[in-house]
Every structure is written in structure tokens, then in C-alpha cells.
């Protein structure tokens, strides 16, 4: 079991001064986590929300955390894939993988909130299809020096991808799953998962994890090998287990 700190990017106000203080406080918390022996720090993504001041650039923050730490692992929890160009995401993942010496984990999802999609002038109804394409492009880019892709939303022709990841074959990708269908698909794909234990009772969670486990077994994988992450709110922080 591993324990981590999940940063939700909260600020104590909505002005520039409060946002600056939020960054300073956050990096103080990073030092406490690093020195105190925590295993992970997870960074959330939020857009158009002044009360969550620095979630709009979580990958930038991940790079800064990588540069300021030596031991603690760093993860996105989560990067909302449809909000991003997938090839740009792959490049950022590879760069952070180098900066962190292999300590970065890419946590992904499509978010249930429509505010970010509205702000980016995107149709939330397309989020599932965009997410699937984004994930496929990211996996192909990280796994291949050159790749091509033709899809509904994204098309790339003989792209030379650089830099190559530090981690072989690439950093771990973890999917935030909520519905029974996504638990099964994640198992079929062999992806580690985040699951929201706050929204489920024990029996519901056990049933979903069993379906995930069964889908993974058909690939020769196990839940232990794929790893499951859940989060629980505490005061004043949150913890995550793996």
C-alpha cells in the first residue's frame, strides 16, 4: 500500500495575491510530503474556476514539483484529455518523465463537469469519443519514435516524436473510471485505475472491481499487477491508497 496527497488546487481567495499565496502554500506542502515520507503527490486539473487557482496548468506544476523533489512520485489526478491536444500531452509526459527521473504517472479522465468544456467551446457530448482518440494518440506517440493516426478529431501523418520517454516503454497511465462499462474497458486495456470510493458503497465497489479484475484476467493481468487507486477525504487534506 502507498499513501499520497491529493492537491485540489484550492486558493483562499480569488485575487492574484491569494493565488500567489496558494502556490507558495502548495510548494510548502510538497516539501512536507517529500520530507515526511509520503509516496505520491497527485495534481488535479480545473479550468475557469478562480477558487482553484493553479489547476489550469497542472502539467506545468508537475514539472516544477519534479524539479524541486528527489524521491516522491508525481501524478496527474486527473488530466482531462479532451481539453488538450493529445500529441502535446505526450510530449509533456515524456519531458516530465525525464525531469522526474521516472517518477511521473499520467492519470487521465474526461471529467463529469461541463464548465470546462463550455469554456473551451467544446461539445460535452463529444467528450467520450474525444477521450478515446486522445488516449490512443498518446499511447502510440509514447510507444513509437514515428507514428501516424487518422481519426474523427485528430489526424497525424508520420510524426517524429521526441524526446523519447525516460521510462520504458513509457510512464504508467491510470484511468479514472466511474461507470460499470469503464471498469470493464479499463480491465480489458490493462490500465491501472482511479475509482471514486466516496460515491460507492462497499458492495457496489466490490462488484465493479470484480468486473475489472475479470476483464484483466482474460489478458493475463491481475488487479494486483494493474494497481487500483482510491481516494478518501480527510481534514484538512486527502489521502490516496494504491
Protein backbone atom coordinates (compact mmCIF):
# COMPACT_ATOMS: atom_id res chain seq x y z
CA UNK A 1 0.00 0.00 0.00
CA UNK A 2 1.14 3.53 -0.80
CA UNK A 3 -0.11 6.81 0.63
CA UNK A 4 -0.34 10.05 -1.29
CA UNK A 5 -1.54 13.62 -1.02
CA UNK A 6 -4.16 14.83 -3.49
CA UNK A 7 -3.93 18.55 -4.25
CA UNK A 8 -7.20 20.07 -5.46
CA UNK A 9 -5.62 23.47 -6.28
CA UNK A 10 -7.72 25.41 -3.79
CA UNK A 11 -6.99 29.08 -3.05
CA UNK A 12 -8.17 31.09 -0.06
CA UNK A 13 -9.49 33.83 -2.33
CA UNK A 14 -9.99 34.73 -5.97
CA UNK A 15 -7.46 37.53 -6.43
CA UNK A 16 -3.91 37.50 -7.75
CA UNK A 17 -2.44 37.86 -4.26
CA UNK A 18 -4.44 34.92 -2.95
CA UNK A 19 -3.43 32.85 -5.97
CA UNK A 20 0.23 33.67 -5.36
CA UNK A 21 -0.17 32.63 -1.74
CA UNK A 22 -1.80 29.37 -2.88
CA UNK A 23 1.24 28.48 -4.96
CA UNK A 24 3.58 29.28 -2.07
CA UNK A 25 1.49 27.24 0.36
CA UNK A 26 1.29 24.34 -2.08
CA UNK A 27 5.04 24.07 -2.52
CA UNK A 28 5.42 24.18 1.25
CA UNK A 29 3.08 21.20 1.40
CA UNK A 30 5.12 19.43 -1.29
CA UNK A 31 8.21 19.77 0.92
CA UNK A 32 6.30 18.36 3.90
CA UNK A 33 5.17 15.37 1.78
CA UNK A 34 8.69 14.79 0.45
CA UNK A 35 10.38 15.07 3.83
CA UNK A 36 7.61 13.18 5.64
CA UNK A 37 7.86 10.06 3.50
CA UNK A 38 4.63 10.28 1.50
CA UNK A 39 4.72 8.09 -1.61
CA UNK A 40 2.79 10.25 -4.08
CA UNK A 41 1.52 13.74 -4.73
CA UNK A 42 -1.44 13.98 -7.11
CA UNK A 43 -2.28 17.16 -9.05
CA UNK A 44 -5.80 17.97 -10.22
CA UNK A 45 -6.92 19.94 -13.27
CA UNK A 46 -9.54 22.71 -13.13
CA UNK A 47 -10.39 25.48 -15.57
CA UNK A 48 -12.26 28.79 -15.32
CA UNK A 49 -12.53 28.47 -11.55
CA UNK A 50 -10.72 31.21 -9.56
CA UNK A 51 -11.19 29.25 -6.33
CA UNK A 52 -8.97 26.51 -7.73
CA UNK A 53 -6.22 28.80 -8.82
CA UNK A 54 -3.45 26.70 -10.30
CA UNK A 55 -5.29 23.63 -11.58
CA UNK A 56 -5.45 25.17 -15.03
CA UNK A 57 -1.80 24.25 -15.70
CA UNK A 58 -1.29 21.04 -13.75
CA UNK A 59 1.41 19.70 -16.07
CA UNK A 60 3.45 22.88 -15.57
CA UNK A 61 3.08 22.42 -11.83
CA UNK A 62 4.10 18.76 -12.17
CA UNK A 63 7.33 19.84 -13.85
CA UNK A 64 8.04 22.29 -11.05
CA UNK A 65 7.40 19.61 -8.41
CA UNK A 66 9.72 17.24 -10.28
CA UNK A 67 12.48 19.83 -10.25
CA UNK A 68 12.09 20.57 -6.54
CA UNK A 69 11.91 16.98 -5.26
CA UNK A 70 14.08 13.89 -5.41
CA UNK A 71 12.01 10.99 -4.07
CA UNK A 72 8.25 11.47 -4.08
CA UNK A 73 6.28 10.25 -7.09
CA UNK A 74 4.12 12.72 -9.01
CA UNK A 75 0.83 12.07 -10.76
CA UNK A 76 -1.95 13.90 -12.55
CA UNK A 77 -5.31 13.23 -10.96
CA UNK A 78 -6.63 13.81 -13.38
CA UNK A 79 -5.63 15.34 -16.70
CA UNK A 80 -8.87 15.92 -18.64
CA UNK A 81 -7.79 14.54 -22.00
CA UNK A 82 -10.46 16.10 -24.27
CA UNK A 83 -9.30 19.57 -23.18
CA UNK A 84 -5.85 19.00 -24.68
CA UNK A 85 -4.07 18.23 -27.91
CA UNK A 86 -3.03 14.60 -27.32
CA UNK A 87 0.33 14.93 -29.05
CA UNK A 88 1.18 17.91 -26.85
CA UNK A 89 0.18 15.84 -23.79
CA UNK A 90 2.50 13.03 -24.89
CA UNK A 91 5.38 15.48 -25.25
CA UNK A 92 4.73 16.93 -21.79
CA UNK A 93 4.55 13.46 -20.26
CA UNK A 94 7.87 12.49 -21.79
CA UNK A 95 9.57 15.72 -20.66
CA UNK A 96 8.25 15.38 -17.08
CA UNK A 97 9.33 11.74 -17.11
CA UNK A 98 12.89 12.96 -17.72
CA UNK A 99 12.69 15.82 -15.21
CA UNK A 100 11.41 13.46 -12.52
CA UNK A 101 13.80 10.59 -13.33
CA UNK A 102 10.84 8.30 -13.95
CA UNK A 103 8.67 9.42 -11.01
CA UNK A 104 5.70 10.68 -13.06
CA UNK A 105 2.39 8.85 -13.60
CA UNK A 106 -0.25 10.09 -16.06
CA UNK A 107 -3.72 9.96 -14.55
CA UNK A 108 -6.43 10.63 -17.12
CA UNK A 109 -10.19 11.08 -17.41
CA UNK A 110 -12.83 13.09 -19.20
CA UNK A 111 -14.47 14.85 -16.20
CA UNK A 112 -18.18 14.96 -15.42
CA UNK A 113 -18.21 18.76 -15.26
CA UNK A 114 -19.40 20.64 -18.32
CA UNK A 115 -17.94 24.01 -17.29
CA UNK A 116 -14.50 23.32 -18.71
CA UNK A 117 -15.97 22.10 -21.98
CA UNK A 118 -18.17 25.16 -22.25
CA UNK A 119 -15.22 27.45 -21.58
CA UNK A 120 -13.17 25.78 -24.31
CA UNK A 121 -16.16 25.93 -26.66
CA UNK A 122 -16.33 22.15 -26.83
CA UNK A 123 -19.38 19.89 -27.01
CA UNK A 124 -19.53 17.72 -23.88
CA UNK A 125 -21.44 15.18 -25.93
CA UNK A 126 -18.22 14.53 -27.84
CA UNK A 127 -16.15 14.01 -24.68
CA UNK A 128 -16.22 10.21 -24.70
CA UNK A 129 -15.18 9.92 -28.35
CA UNK A 130 -12.52 12.61 -27.93
CA UNK A 131 -11.17 10.88 -24.82
CA UNK A 132 -10.81 7.56 -26.67
CA UNK A 133 -8.95 9.19 -29.56
CA UNK A 134 -6.72 11.24 -27.25
CA UNK A 135 -5.72 8.13 -25.31
CA UNK A 136 -4.92 6.19 -28.47
CA UNK A 137 -2.77 9.01 -29.86
CA UNK A 138 -0.87 9.39 -26.56
CA UNK A 139 -0.17 5.66 -26.33
CA UNK A 140 1.03 5.48 -29.94
CA UNK A 141 3.23 8.55 -29.59
CA UNK A 142 4.89 7.38 -26.37
CA UNK A 143 5.47 3.87 -27.70
CA UNK A 144 6.85 4.76 -31.13
CA UNK A 145 9.54 7.04 -32.50
CA UNK A 146 7.34 7.69 -35.54
CA UNK A 147 3.61 7.19 -35.82
CA UNK A 148 0.56 8.11 -37.88
CA UNK A 149 -3.08 8.34 -36.87
CA UNK A 150 -6.32 9.15 -38.67
CA UNK A 151 -9.40 9.74 -36.54
CA UNK A 152 -12.55 11.82 -36.31
CA UNK A 153 -10.97 14.62 -34.26
CA UNK A 154 -7.21 14.16 -34.63
CA UNK A 155 -5.02 13.25 -37.60
CA UNK A 156 -1.23 12.95 -37.73
CA UNK A 157 0.98 11.81 -40.60
CA UNK A 158 4.40 10.24 -39.94
CA UNK A 159 5.10 12.31 -36.82
CA UNK A 160 8.61 12.09 -35.33
CA UNK A 161 8.08 12.04 -31.58
CA UNK A 162 10.73 13.49 -29.26
CA UNK A 163 12.00 13.28 -26.64
CA UNK A 164 11.64 9.54 -26.14
CA UNK A 165 10.43 8.72 -22.60
CA UNK A 166 12.95 8.02 -19.85
CA UNK A 167 10.74 5.16 -18.57
CA UNK A 168 10.49 2.07 -20.78
CA UNK A 169 8.21 1.71 -22.61
CA UNK A 170 6.57 4.85 -21.15
CA UNK A 171 5.23 6.22 -17.83
CA UNK A 172 2.26 4.43 -16.29
CA UNK A 173 -1.15 5.61 -17.48
CA UNK A 174 -4.02 5.43 -14.96
CA UNK A 175 -7.70 5.92 -15.87
CA UNK A 176 -10.33 7.49 -13.59
CA UNK A 177 -13.34 5.16 -14.02
CA UNK A 178 -16.88 5.69 -12.73
CA UNK A 179 -19.35 3.59 -14.71
CA UNK A 180 -19.59 -0.20 -14.87
CA UNK A 181 -18.67 -0.04 -18.56
CA UNK A 182 -15.45 1.88 -17.98
CA UNK A 183 -14.32 -0.54 -15.24
CA UNK A 184 -14.56 -3.36 -17.78
CA UNK A 185 -12.90 -1.42 -20.60
CA UNK A 186 -10.02 -0.38 -18.33
CA UNK A 187 -9.54 -4.03 -17.36
CA UNK A 188 -9.58 -5.08 -20.99
CA UNK A 189 -6.96 -2.46 -21.79
CA UNK A 190 -4.78 -3.48 -18.84
CA UNK A 191 -4.81 0.04 -17.40
CA UNK A 192 -4.46 0.87 -13.69
CA UNK A 193 -7.45 2.80 -12.40
CA UNK A 194 -8.67 5.51 -10.08
CA UNK A 195 -12.07 4.77 -8.57
CA UNK A 196 -14.25 7.16 -6.56
CA UNK A 197 -14.90 5.33 -3.32
CA UNK A 198 -16.97 8.23 -1.95
CA UNK A 199 -19.76 7.63 -4.48
CA UNK A 200 -20.00 3.86 -3.90
CA UNK A 201 -20.82 1.57 -1.02
CA UNK A 202 -18.68 -1.47 -0.26
CA UNK A 203 -20.87 -3.94 -2.16
CA UNK A 204 -21.02 -1.74 -5.27
CA UNK A 205 -17.27 -1.17 -5.27
CA UNK A 206 -16.56 -4.88 -4.80
CA UNK A 207 -18.81 -5.75 -7.76
CA UNK A 208 -17.15 -3.19 -10.03
CA UNK A 209 -13.65 -4.23 -9.04
CA UNK A 210 -14.58 -7.87 -9.68
CA UNK A 211 -15.63 -6.97 -13.23
CA UNK A 212 -12.37 -5.05 -13.68
CA UNK A 213 -10.39 -7.99 -12.33
CA UNK A 214 -12.17 -10.48 -14.58
CA UNK A 215 -11.60 -8.34 -17.68
CA UNK A 216 -7.92 -8.10 -16.78
CA UNK A 217 -7.56 -11.84 -16.16
CA UNK A 218 -8.59 -12.51 -19.74
CA UNK A 219 -5.47 -10.59 -20.74
CA UNK A 220 -3.32 -12.48 -18.29
CA UNK A 221 -3.27 -9.47 -15.94
CA UNK A 222 -4.33 -9.20 -12.30
CA UNK A 223 -5.67 -6.38 -10.17
CA UNK A 224 -2.50 -6.52 -8.08
CA UNK A 225 -0.37 -6.03 -11.17
CA UNK A 226 -2.57 -3.27 -12.59
CA UNK A 227 -2.99 -1.47 -9.26
CA UNK A 228 -6.09 0.32 -8.03
CA UNK A 229 -6.17 3.79 -6.53
CA UNK A 230 -8.95 5.20 -4.38
CA UNK A 231 -9.26 8.46 -2.50
CA UNK A 232 -10.87 9.46 0.76
CA UNK A 233 -11.45 12.97 2.07
CA UNK A 234 -9.89 13.88 5.38
CA UNK A 235 -9.42 17.18 7.15
CA UNK A 236 -7.58 19.23 6.07
CA UNK A 237 -6.08 17.03 3.36
CA UNK A 238 -6.92 13.89 1.39
CA UNK A 239 -5.17 10.56 1.22
CA UNK A 240 -4.95 8.03 -1.57
CA UNK A 241 -4.04 4.36 -1.44
CA UNK A 242 -2.63 2.14 -4.15
